[in-house]
PDB file of N, CA and C in Angstrom:
ATOM      1  N   MET A   1      -0.935  24.140  28.005  1.00  0.00           N
ATOM      2  CA  MET A   1      -0.103  23.951  26.835  1.00  0.00           C
ATOM      3  C   MET A   1       0.767  22.718  27.057  1.00  0.00           C
ATOM      4  N   LYS A   2       0.757  21.824  26.112  1.00  0.00           N
ATOM      5  CA  LYS A   2       1.446  20.542  26.281  1.00  0.00           C
ATOM      6  C   LYS A   2       2.826  20.511  25.658  1.00  0.00           C
ATOM      7  N   ILE A   3       3.215  21.578  24.963  1.00  0.00           N
ATOM      8  CA  ILE A   3       4.543  21.646  24.355  1.00  0.00           C
ATOM      9  C   ILE A   3       5.379  22.641  25.141  1.00  0.00           C
ATOM     10  N   LYS A   4       6.615  22.220  25.457  1.00  0.00           N
ATOM     11  CA  LYS A   4       7.503  23.060  26.261  1.00  0.00           C
ATOM     12  C   LYS A   4       8.804  23.317  25.516  1.00  0.00           C
ATOM     13  N   LYS A   5       9.581  24.237  26.035  1.00  0.00           N
ATOM     14  CA  LYS A   5      10.890  24.555  25.459  1.00  0.00           C
ATOM     15  C   LYS A   5      11.793  23.329  25.555  1.00  0.00           C
ATOM     16  N   GLY A   6      12.485  23.015  24.457  1.00  0.00           N
ATOM     17  CA  GLY A   6      13.389  21.868  24.435  1.00  0.00           C
ATOM     18  C   GLY A   6      12.773  20.596  23.878  1.00  0.00           C
ATOM     19  N   ASP A   7      11.457  20.576  23.637  1.00  0.00           N
ATOM     20  CA  ASP A   7      10.790  19.399  23.077  1.00  0.00           C
ATOM     21  C   ASP A   7      11.097  19.261  21.590  1.00  0.00           C
ATOM     22  N   ASN A   8      11.103  18.032  21.110  1.00  0.00           N
ATOM     23  CA  ASN A   8      11.208  17.773  19.678  1.00  0.00           C
ATOM     24  C   ASN A   8       9.802  17.695  19.114  1.00  0.00           C
ATOM     25  N   VAL A   9       9.572  18.446  18.021  1.00  0.00           N
ATOM     26  CA  VAL A   9       8.254  18.478  17.404  1.00  0.00           C
ATOM     27  C   VAL A   9       8.385  18.244  15.913  1.00  0.00           C
ATOM     28  N   ILE A  10       7.267  17.872  15.294  1.00  0.00           N
ATOM     29  CA  ILE A  10       7.202  17.689  13.844  1.00  0.00           C
ATOM     30  C   ILE A  10       6.098  18.601  13.325  1.00  0.00           C
ATOM     31  N   MET A  11       6.334  19.206  12.165  1.00  0.00           N
ATOM     32  CA  MET A  11       5.325  20.060  11.548  1.00  0.00           C
ATOM     33  C   MET A  11       4.302  19.161  10.851  1.00  0.00           C
ATOM     34  N   ILE A  12       3.027  19.424  11.085  1.00  0.00           N
ATOM     35  CA  ILE A  12       1.979  18.611  10.469  1.00  0.00           C
ATOM     36  C   ILE A  12       1.199  19.402   9.430  1.00  0.00           C
ATOM     37  N   ALA A  13       1.544  20.687   9.252  1.00  0.00           N
ATOM     38  CA  ALA A  13       0.866  21.523   8.256  1.00  0.00           C
ATOM     39  C   ALA A  13       1.807  22.626   7.805  1.00  0.00           C
ATOM     40  N   GLY A  14       1.516  23.187   6.635  1.00  0.00           N
ATOM     41  CA  GLY A  14       2.273  24.325   6.147  1.00  0.00           C
ATOM     42  C   GLY A  14       3.370  23.937   5.182  1.00  0.00           C
ATOM     43  N   LYS A  15       4.208  24.921   4.827  1.00  0.00           N
ATOM     44  CA  LYS A  15       5.247  24.702   3.824  1.00  0.00           C
ATOM     45  C   LYS A  15       6.368  23.805   4.316  1.00  0.00           C
ATOM     46  N   ASP A  16       6.557  23.698   5.630  1.00  0.00           N
ATOM     47  CA  ASP A  16       7.605  22.862   6.206  1.00  0.00           C
ATOM     48  C   ASP A  16       7.053  21.549   6.761  1.00  0.00           C
ATOM     49  N   LYS A  17       5.996  21.029   6.142  1.00  0.00           N
ATOM     50  CA  LYS A  17       5.352  19.804   6.615  1.00  0.00           C
ATOM     51  C   LYS A  17       6.352  18.643   6.655  1.00  0.00           C
ATOM     52  N   ASN A  18       6.279  17.816   7.692  1.00  0.00           N
ATOM     53  CA  ASN A  18       7.105  16.634   7.944  1.00  0.00           C
ATOM     54  C   ASN A  18       8.539  16.952   8.358  1.00  0.00           C
ATOM     55  N   LYS A  19       8.882  18.217   8.601  1.00  0.00           N
ATOM     56  CA  LYS A  19      10.204  18.559   9.125  1.00  0.00           C
ATOM     57  C   LYS A  19      10.144  18.535  10.646  1.00  0.00           C
ATOM     58  N   THR A  20      11.253  18.127  11.253  1.00  0.00           N
ATOM     59  CA  THR A  20      11.312  18.081  12.710  1.00  0.00           C
ATOM     60  C   THR A  20      12.313  19.103  13.212  1.00  0.00           C
ATOM     61  N   GLY A  21      12.148  19.502  14.453  1.00  0.00           N
ATOM     62  CA  GLY A  21      13.055  20.461  15.060  1.00  0.00           C
ATOM     63  C   GLY A  21      12.806  20.576  16.547  1.00  0.00           C
ATOM     64  N   LYS A  22      13.667  21.340  17.186  1.00  0.00           N
ATOM     65  CA  LYS A  22      13.605  21.533  18.630  1.00  0.00           C
ATOM     66  C   LYS A  22      12.954  22.884  18.915  1.00  0.00           C
ATOM     67  N   VAL A  23      12.099  22.923  19.930  1.00  0.00           N
ATOM     68  CA  VAL A  23      11.397  24.149  20.295  1.00  0.00           C
ATOM     69  C   VAL A  23      12.382  25.087  20.993  1.00  0.00           C
ATOM     70  N   ILE A  24      12.494  26.313  20.462  1.00  0.00           N
ATOM     71  CA  ILE A  24      13.393  27.309  21.031  1.00  0.00           C
ATOM     72  C   ILE A  24      12.675  28.174  22.059  1.00  0.00           C
ATOM     73  N   LYS A  25      11.457  28.610  21.714  1.00  0.00           N
ATOM     74  CA  LYS A  25      10.713  29.501  22.590  1.00  0.00           C
ATOM     75  C   LYS A  25       9.225  29.228  22.456  1.00  0.00           C
ATOM     76  N   VAL A  26       8.485  29.425  23.548  1.00  0.00           N
ATOM     77  CA  VAL A  26       7.045  29.181  23.580  1.00  0.00           C
ATOM     78  C   VAL A  26       6.332  30.466  23.996  1.00  0.00           C
ATOM     79  N   PHE A  27       5.251  30.794  23.290  1.00  0.00           N
ATOM     80  CA  PHE A  27       4.413  31.937  23.629  1.00  0.00           C
ATOM     81  C   PHE A  27       3.023  31.419  23.991  1.00  0.00           C
ATOM     82  N   PRO A  28       2.758  31.112  25.269  1.00  0.00           N
ATOM     83  CA  PRO A  28       1.483  30.491  25.637  1.00  0.00           C
ATOM     84  C   PRO A  28       0.262  31.392  25.448  1.00  0.00           C
ATOM     85  N   LYS A  29       0.407  32.699  25.608  1.00  0.00           N
ATOM     86  CA  LYS A  29      -0.754  33.587  25.450  1.00  0.00           C
ATOM     87  C   LYS A  29      -1.210  33.660  24.002  1.00  0.00           C
ATOM     88  N   GLU A  30      -0.264  33.571  23.061  1.00  0.00           N
ATOM     89  CA  GLU A  30      -0.599  33.647  21.639  1.00  0.00           C
ATOM     90  C   GLU A  30      -0.755  32.277  20.993  1.00  0.00           C
ATOM     91  N   ASP A  31      -0.498  31.189  21.724  1.00  0.00           N
ATOM     92  CA  ASP A  31      -0.523  29.816  21.203  1.00  0.00           C
ATOM     93  C   ASP A  31       0.415  29.654  20.022  1.00  0.00           C
ATOM     94  N   LYS A  32       1.663  30.116  20.182  1.00  0.00           N
ATOM     95  CA  LYS A  32       2.667  30.018  19.135  1.00  0.00           C
ATOM     96  C   LYS A  32       3.974  29.500  19.713  1.00  0.00           C
ATOM     97  N   VAL A  33       4.777  28.875  18.841  1.00  0.00           N
ATOM     98  CA  VAL A  33       6.103  28.391  19.223  1.00  0.00           C
ATOM     99  C   VAL A  33       7.107  28.766  18.139  1.00  0.00           C
ATOM    100  N   ILE A  34       8.377  28.850  18.539  1.00  0.00           N
ATOM    101  CA  ILE A  34       9.459  29.038  17.577  1.00  0.00           C
ATOM    102  C   ILE A  34      10.259  27.752  17.573  1.00  0.00           C
ATOM    103  N   VAL A  35      10.430  27.166  16.372  1.00  0.00           N
ATOM    104  CA  VAL A  35      11.136  25.900  16.204  1.00  0.00           C
ATOM    105  C   VAL A  35      12.360  26.154  15.332  1.00  0.00           C
ATOM    106  N   GLU A  36      13.500  25.576  15.737  1.00  0.00           N
ATOM    107  CA  GLU A  36      14.722  25.826  14.966  1.00  0.00           C
ATOM    108  C   GLU A  36      14.646  25.182  13.584  1.00  0.00           C
ATOM    109  N   ASN A  37      15.133  25.909  12.576  1.00  0.00           N
ATOM    110  CA  ASN A  37      15.175  25.506  11.173  1.00  0.00           C
ATOM    111  C   ASN A  37      13.799  25.269  10.548  1.00  0.00           C
ATOM    112  N   ILE A  38      12.761  25.864  11.103  1.00  0.00           N
ATOM    113  CA  ILE A  38      11.413  25.767  10.540  1.00  0.00           C
ATOM    114  C   ILE A  38      10.835  27.171  10.440  1.00  0.00           C
ATOM    115  N   ASN A  39      10.146  27.456   9.336  1.00  0.00           N
ATOM    116  CA  ASN A  39       9.549  28.756   9.054  1.00  0.00           C
ATOM    117  C   ASN A  39      10.613  29.855   9.049  1.00  0.00           C
ATOM    118  N   LEU A  40      11.692  29.612   8.289  1.00  0.00           N
ATOM    119  CA  LEU A  40      12.784  30.582   8.206  1.00  0.00           C
ATOM    120  C   LEU A  40      12.415  31.725   7.275  1.00  0.00           C
ATOM    121  N   LYS A  41      12.705  32.937   7.708  1.00  0.00           N
ATOM    122  CA  LYS A  41      12.483  34.141   6.917  1.00  0.00           C
ATOM    123  C   LYS A  41      13.799  34.893   6.822  1.00  0.00           C
ATOM    124  N   LYS A  42      14.013  35.557   5.701  1.00  0.00           N
ATOM    125  CA  LYS A  42      15.236  36.343   5.518  1.00  0.00           C
ATOM    126  C   LYS A  42      15.085  37.700   6.186  1.00  0.00           C
ATOM    127  N   LYS A  43      16.147  38.120   6.864  1.00  0.00           N
ATOM    128  CA  LYS A  43      16.174  39.410   7.533  1.00  0.00           C
ATOM    129  C   LYS A  43      17.422  40.148   7.084  1.00  0.00           C
ATOM    130  N   HIS A  44      17.271  41.396   6.704  1.00  0.00           N
ATOM    131  CA  HIS A  44      18.408  42.204   6.290  1.00  0.00           C
ATOM    132  C   HIS A  44      19.011  42.849   7.524  1.00  0.00           C
ATOM    133  N   GLN A  45      20.287  42.540   7.766  1.00  0.00           N
ATOM    134  CA  GLN A  45      20.951  43.051   8.952  1.00  0.00           C
ATOM    135  C   GLN A  45      21.941  44.144   8.556  1.00  0.00           C
ATOM    136  N   ARG A  46      21.888  45.229   9.246  1.00  0.00           N
ATOM    137  CA  ARG A  46      22.737  46.368   8.961  1.00  0.00           C
ATOM    138  C   ARG A  46      24.165  46.096   9.416  1.00  0.00           C
ATOM    139  N   ALA A  47      25.124  46.780   8.792  1.00  0.00           N
ATOM    140  CA  ALA A  47      26.516  46.653   9.205  1.00  0.00           C
ATOM    141  C   ALA A  47      26.694  47.300  10.577  1.00  0.00           C
ATOM    142  N   LYS A  48      27.313  46.579  11.495  1.00  0.00           N
ATOM    143  CA  LYS A  48      27.505  47.101  12.853  1.00  0.00           C
ATOM    144  C   LYS A  48      28.689  48.062  12.905  1.00  0.00           C
ATOM    145  N   THR A  49      29.780  47.693  12.236  1.00  0.00           N
ATOM    146  CA  THR A  49      30.967  48.536  12.240  1.00  0.00           C
ATOM    147  C   THR A  49      31.222  49.052  10.827  1.00  0.00           C
ATOM    148  N   GLY A  50      32.121  50.001  10.709  1.00  0.00           N
ATOM    149  CA  GLY A  50      32.382  50.627   9.416  1.00  0.00           C
ATOM    150  C   GLY A  50      33.007  49.707   8.388  1.00  0.00           C
ATOM    151  N   GLY A  51      33.832  48.764   8.809  1.00  0.00           N
ATOM    152  CA  GLY A  51      34.543  47.902   7.870  1.00  0.00           C
ATOM    153  C   GLY A  51      33.743  46.731   7.345  1.00  0.00           C
ATOM    154  N   LYS A  52      32.684  46.345   8.019  1.00  0.00           N
ATOM    155  CA  LYS A  52      31.907  45.174   7.611  1.00  0.00           C
ATOM    156  C   LYS A  52      30.720  45.576   6.753  1.00  0.00           C
ATOM    157  N   LYS A  53      30.230  44.615   5.957  1.00  0.00           N
ATOM    158  CA  LYS A  53      29.063  44.847   5.124  1.00  0.00           C
ATOM    159  C   LYS A  53      27.818  44.311   5.821  1.00  0.00           C
ATOM    160  N   GLY A  54      26.699  44.827   5.369  1.00  0.00           N
ATOM    161  CA  GLY A  54      25.442  44.277   5.843  1.00  0.00           C
ATOM    162  C   GLY A  54      25.213  42.917   5.211  1.00  0.00           C
ATOM    163  N   GLU A  55      24.308  42.141   5.784  1.00  0.00           N
ATOM    164  CA  GLU A  55      24.081  40.792   5.264  1.00  0.00           C
ATOM    165  C   GLU A  55      22.624  40.394   5.417  1.00  0.00           C
ATOM    166  N   LYS A  56      22.254  39.333   4.706  1.00  0.00           N
ATOM    167  CA  LYS A  56      20.933  38.737   4.833  1.00  0.00           C
ATOM    168  C   LYS A  56      21.082  37.496   5.688  1.00  0.00           C
ATOM    169  N   ILE A  57      20.330  37.413   6.767  1.00  0.00           N
ATOM    170  CA  ILE A  57      20.383  36.237   7.627  1.00  0.00           C
ATOM    171  C   ILE A  57      18.993  35.609   7.666  1.00  0.00           C
ATOM    172  N   GLU A  58      18.952  34.310   7.940  1.00  0.00           N
ATOM    173  CA  GLU A  58      17.678  33.607   8.056  1.00  0.00           C
ATOM    174  C   GLU A  58      17.338  33.433   9.525  1.00  0.00           C
ATOM    175  N   VAL A  59      16.136  33.859   9.884  1.00  0.00           N
ATOM    176  CA  VAL A  59      15.695  33.849  11.270  1.00  0.00           C
ATOM    177  C   VAL A  59      14.431  33.004  11.369  1.00  0.00           C
ATOM    178  N   PRO A  60      14.338  32.088  12.344  1.00  0.00           N
ATOM    179  CA  PRO A  60      13.084  31.333  12.506  1.00  0.00           C
ATOM    180  C   PRO A  60      11.988  32.220  13.083  1.00  0.00           C
ATOM    181  N   ARG A  61      10.803  32.134  12.502  1.00  0.00           N
ATOM    182  CA  ARG A  61       9.649  32.898  12.985  1.00  0.00           C
ATOM    183  C   ARG A  61       8.672  31.945  13.663  1.00  0.00           C
ATOM    184  N   SER A  62       7.735  32.502  14.400  1.00  0.00           N
ATOM    185  CA  SER A  62       6.804  31.689  15.164  1.00  0.00           C
ATOM    186  C   SER A  62       5.784  31.000  14.256  1.00  0.00           C
ATOM    187  N   VAL A  63       5.335  29.828  14.698  1.00  0.00           N
ATOM    188  CA  VAL A  63       4.280  29.084  14.011  1.00  0.00           C
ATOM    189  C   VAL A  63       3.192  28.759  15.029  1.00  0.00           C
ATOM    190  N   SER A  64       2.017  28.492  14.529  1.00  0.00           N
ATOM    191  CA  SER A  64       0.900  28.147  15.407  1.00  0.00           C
ATOM    192  C   SER A  64       1.145  26.803  16.076  1.00  0.00           C
ATOM    193  N   ILE A  65       0.709  26.702  17.298  1.00  0.00           N
ATOM    194  CA  ILE A  65       0.907  25.458  18.042  1.00  0.00           C
ATOM    195  C   ILE A  65       0.054  24.332  17.457  1.00  0.00           C
ATOM    196  N   ALA A  66      -0.985  24.687  16.695  1.00  0.00           N
ATOM    197  CA  ALA A  66      -1.832  23.685  16.055  1.00  0.00           C
ATOM    198  C   ALA A  66      -1.127  23.034  14.864  1.00  0.00           C
ATOM    199  N   SER A  67      -0.046  23.655  14.372  1.00  0.00           N
ATOM    200  CA  SER A  67       0.681  23.130  13.217  1.00  0.00           C
ATOM    201  C   SER A  67       1.812  22.188  13.598  1.00  0.00           C
ATOM    202  N   VAL A  68       2.062  22.017  14.882  1.00  0.00           N
ATOM    203  CA  VAL A  68       3.141  21.137  15.321  1.00  0.00           C
ATOM    204  C   VAL A  68       2.584  20.037  16.215  1.00  0.00           C
ATOM    205  N   MET A  69       3.315  18.915  16.242  1.00  0.00           N
ATOM    206  CA  MET A  69       2.917  17.783  17.067  1.00  0.00           C
ATOM    207  C   MET A  69       4.148  17.245  17.784  1.00  0.00           C
ATOM    208  N   LEU A  70       4.002  16.926  19.029  1.00  0.00           N
ATOM    209  CA  LEU A  70       5.101  16.451  19.855  1.00  0.00           C
ATOM    210  C   LEU A  70       5.571  15.071  19.412  1.00  0.00           C
ATOM    211  N   VAL A  71       6.888  14.860  19.376  1.00  0.00           N
ATOM    212  CA  VAL A  71       7.461  13.561  19.018  1.00  0.00           C
ATOM    213  C   VAL A  71       7.850  12.839  20.302  1.00  0.00           C
ATOM    214  N   CYS A  72       7.369  11.629  20.454  1.00  0.00           N
ATOM    215  CA  CYS A  72       7.651  10.824  21.646  1.00  0.00           C
ATOM    216  C   CYS A  72       9.126  10.409  21.659  1.00  0.00           C
ATOM    217  N   LYS A  73       9.741  10.438  22.847  1.00  0.00           N
ATOM    218  CA  LYS A  73      11.155  10.067  22.965  1.00  0.00           C
ATOM    219  C   LYS A  73      11.369   8.568  22.834  1.00  0.00           C
ATOM    220  N   SER A  74      10.428   7.773  23.335  1.00  0.00           N
ATOM    221  CA  SER A  74      10.645   6.326  23.330  1.00  0.00           C
ATOM    222  C   SER A  74      10.257   5.671  22.008  1.00  0.00           C
ATOM    223  N   CYS A  75       9.100   6.024  21.442  1.00  0.00           N
ATOM    224  CA  CYS A  75       8.687   5.376  20.187  1.00  0.00           C
ATOM    225  C   CYS A  75       9.113   6.161  18.950  1.00  0.00           C
ATOM    226  N   GLY A  76       9.464   7.444  19.106  1.00  0.00           N
ATOM    227  CA  GLY A  76       9.963   8.240  17.991  1.00  0.00           C
ATOM    228  C   GLY A  76       8.912   8.655  16.981  1.00  0.00           C
ATOM    229  N   LYS A  77       7.635   8.534  17.328  1.00  0.00           N
ATOM    230  CA  LYS A  77       6.550   8.888  16.419  1.00  0.00           C
ATOM    231  C   LYS A  77       5.810  10.110  16.963  1.00  0.00           C
ATOM    232  N   PRO A  78       5.151  10.868  16.067  1.00  0.00           N
ATOM    233  CA  PRO A  78       4.318  11.957  16.567  1.00  0.00           C
ATOM    234  C   PRO A  78       3.162  11.385  17.376  1.00  0.00           C
ATOM    235  N   ALA A  79       2.924  11.967  18.540  1.00  0.00           N
ATOM    236  CA  ALA A  79       1.914  11.390  19.419  1.00  0.00           C
ATOM    237  C   ALA A  79       1.109  12.470  20.116  1.00  0.00           C
ATOM    238  N   ARG A  80      -0.136  12.119  20.417  1.00  0.00           N
ATOM    239  CA  ARG A  80      -0.955  12.975  21.253  1.00  0.00           C
ATOM    240  C   ARG A  80      -0.519  12.788  22.698  1.00  0.00           C
ATOM    241  N   VAL A  81      -0.798  13.774  23.511  1.00  0.00           N
ATOM    242  CA  VAL A  81      -0.288  13.778  24.877  1.00  0.00           C
ATOM    243  C   VAL A  81      -1.445  13.778  25.863  1.00  0.00           C
ATOM    244  N   SER A  82      -1.324  12.943  26.897  1.00  0.00           N
ATOM    245  CA  SER A  82      -2.272  12.988  28.000  1.00  0.00           C
ATOM    246  C   SER A  82      -1.502  13.353  29.267  1.00  0.00           C
ATOM    247  N   ARG A  83      -2.232  13.754  30.281  1.00  0.00           N
ATOM    248  CA  ARG A  83      -1.589  14.120  31.543  1.00  0.00           C
ATOM    249  C   ARG A  83      -2.074  13.205  32.639  1.00  0.00           C
ATOM    250  N   GLN A  84      -1.134  12.827  33.516  1.00  0.00           N
ATOM    251  CA  GLN A  84      -1.470  12.013  34.681  1.00  0.00           C
ATOM    252  C   GLN A  84      -0.740  12.566  35.883  1.00  0.00           C
ATOM    253  N   VAL A  85      -1.353  12.442  37.043  1.00  0.00           N
ATOM    254  CA  VAL A  85      -0.716  12.861  38.277  1.00  0.00           C
ATOM    255  C   VAL A  85      -0.231  11.609  38.992  1.00  0.00           C
ATOM    256  N   VAL A  86       1.086  11.512  39.160  1.00  0.00           N
ATOM    257  CA  VAL A  86       1.684  10.364  39.830  1.00  0.00           C
ATOM    258  C   VAL A  86       2.489  10.878  41.018  1.00  0.00           C
ATOM    259  N   SER A  87       2.101  10.483  42.203  1.00  0.00           N
ATOM    260  CA  SER A  87       2.744  10.885  43.467  1.00  0.00           C
ATOM    261  C   SER A  87       2.973  12.391  43.536  1.00  0.00           C
ATOM    262  N   GLY A  88       1.949  13.159  43.186  1.00  0.00           N
ATOM    263  CA  GLY A  88       2.015  14.606  43.298  1.00  0.00           C
ATOM    264  C   GLY A  88       2.665  15.329  42.141  1.00  0.00           C
ATOM    265  N   LYS A  89       3.185  14.594  41.147  1.00  0.00           N
ATOM    266  CA  LYS A  89       3.813  15.219  39.983  1.00  0.00           C
ATOM    267  C   LYS A  89       2.918  15.055  38.769  1.00  0.00           C
ATOM    268  N   LYS A  90       2.842  16.122  37.951  1.00  0.00           N
ATOM    269  CA  LYS A  90       2.095  16.032  36.697  1.00  0.00           C
ATOM    270  C   LYS A  90       3.047  15.522  35.625  1.00  0.00           C
ATOM    271  N   LEU A  91       2.668  14.430  34.967  1.00  0.00           N
ATOM    272  CA  LEU A  91       3.493  13.846  33.913  1.00  0.00           C
ATOM    273  C   LEU A  91       2.770  13.913  32.580  1.00  0.00           C
ATOM    274  N   ARG A  92       3.549  14.091  31.508  1.00  0.00           N
ATOM    275  CA  ARG A  92       3.003  14.018  30.159  1.00  0.00           C
ATOM    276  C   ARG A  92       3.216  12.601  29.655  1.00  0.00           C
ATOM    277  N   ILE A  93       2.153  11.967  29.186  1.00  0.00           N
ATOM    278  CA  ILE A  93       2.179  10.564  28.774  1.00  0.00           C
ATOM    279  C   ILE A  93       1.837  10.474  27.282  1.00  0.00           C
ATOM    280  N   CYS A  94       2.621   9.671  26.529  1.00  0.00           N
ATOM    281  CA  CYS A  94       2.341   9.412  25.129  1.00  0.00           C
ATOM    282  C   CYS A  94       1.139   8.479  25.037  1.00  0.00           C
ATOM    283  N   LYS A  95       0.175   8.841  24.195  1.00  0.00           N
ATOM    284  CA  LYS A  95      -1.022   8.008  24.081  1.00  0.00           C
ATOM    285  C   LYS A  95      -0.807   6.755  23.258  1.00  0.00           C
ATOM    286  N   LYS A  96       0.302   6.696  22.472  1.00  0.00           N
ATOM    287  CA  LYS A  96       0.572   5.510  21.653  1.00  0.00           C
ATOM    288  C   LYS A  96       1.255   4.426  22.470  1.00  0.00           C
ATOM    289  N   CYS A  97       2.348   4.801  23.171  1.00  0.00           N
ATOM    290  CA  CYS A  97       3.141   3.771  23.861  1.00  0.00           C
ATOM    291  C   CYS A  97       3.021   3.842  25.383  1.00  0.00           C
ATOM    292  N   GLN A  98       2.238   4.781  25.894  1.00  0.00           N
ATOM    293  CA  GLN A  98       1.994   4.937  27.334  1.00  0.00           C
ATOM    294  C   GLN A  98       3.255   5.179  28.149  1.00  0.00           C
ATOM    295  N   SER A  99       4.271   5.798  27.559  1.00  0.00           N
ATOM    296  CA  SER A  99       5.496   6.103  28.300  1.00  0.00           C
ATOM    297  C   SER A  99       5.565   7.599  28.588  1.00  0.00           C
ATOM    298  N   GLU A 100       6.388   7.963  29.553  1.00  0.00           N
ATOM    299  CA  GLU A 100       6.539   9.358  29.936  1.00  0.00           C
ATOM    300  C   GLU A 100       7.354  10.120  28.890  1.00  0.00           C
ATOM    301  N   ILE A 101       6.913  11.325  28.593  1.00  0.00           N
ATOM    302  CA  ILE A 101       7.637  12.155  27.629  1.00  0.00           C
ATOM    303  C   ILE A 101       8.537  13.105  28.401  1.00  0.00           C
TER     304      ILE A 101
END
């Protein structure tokens, strides 16, 4: 999996197409990610204490990893990712500008 927690991604498909956000959580077995402010769904939350009311909150839900694309830090464009081993470390390399992500 080439996308990790904390990466900036852009949606390339779906109702939130062309929106960008930061990856909150990754589910590698299911090939899904949760991105902040993308794929928001309303959730009805019960009142915790007697004096407060219940409310509707918006919660980000998971999206398929095929619907997002990693944004390069140096060129700022969505880019495909390659991997290279340099001095024993695995690095993710942007295929457009050849810089480390």
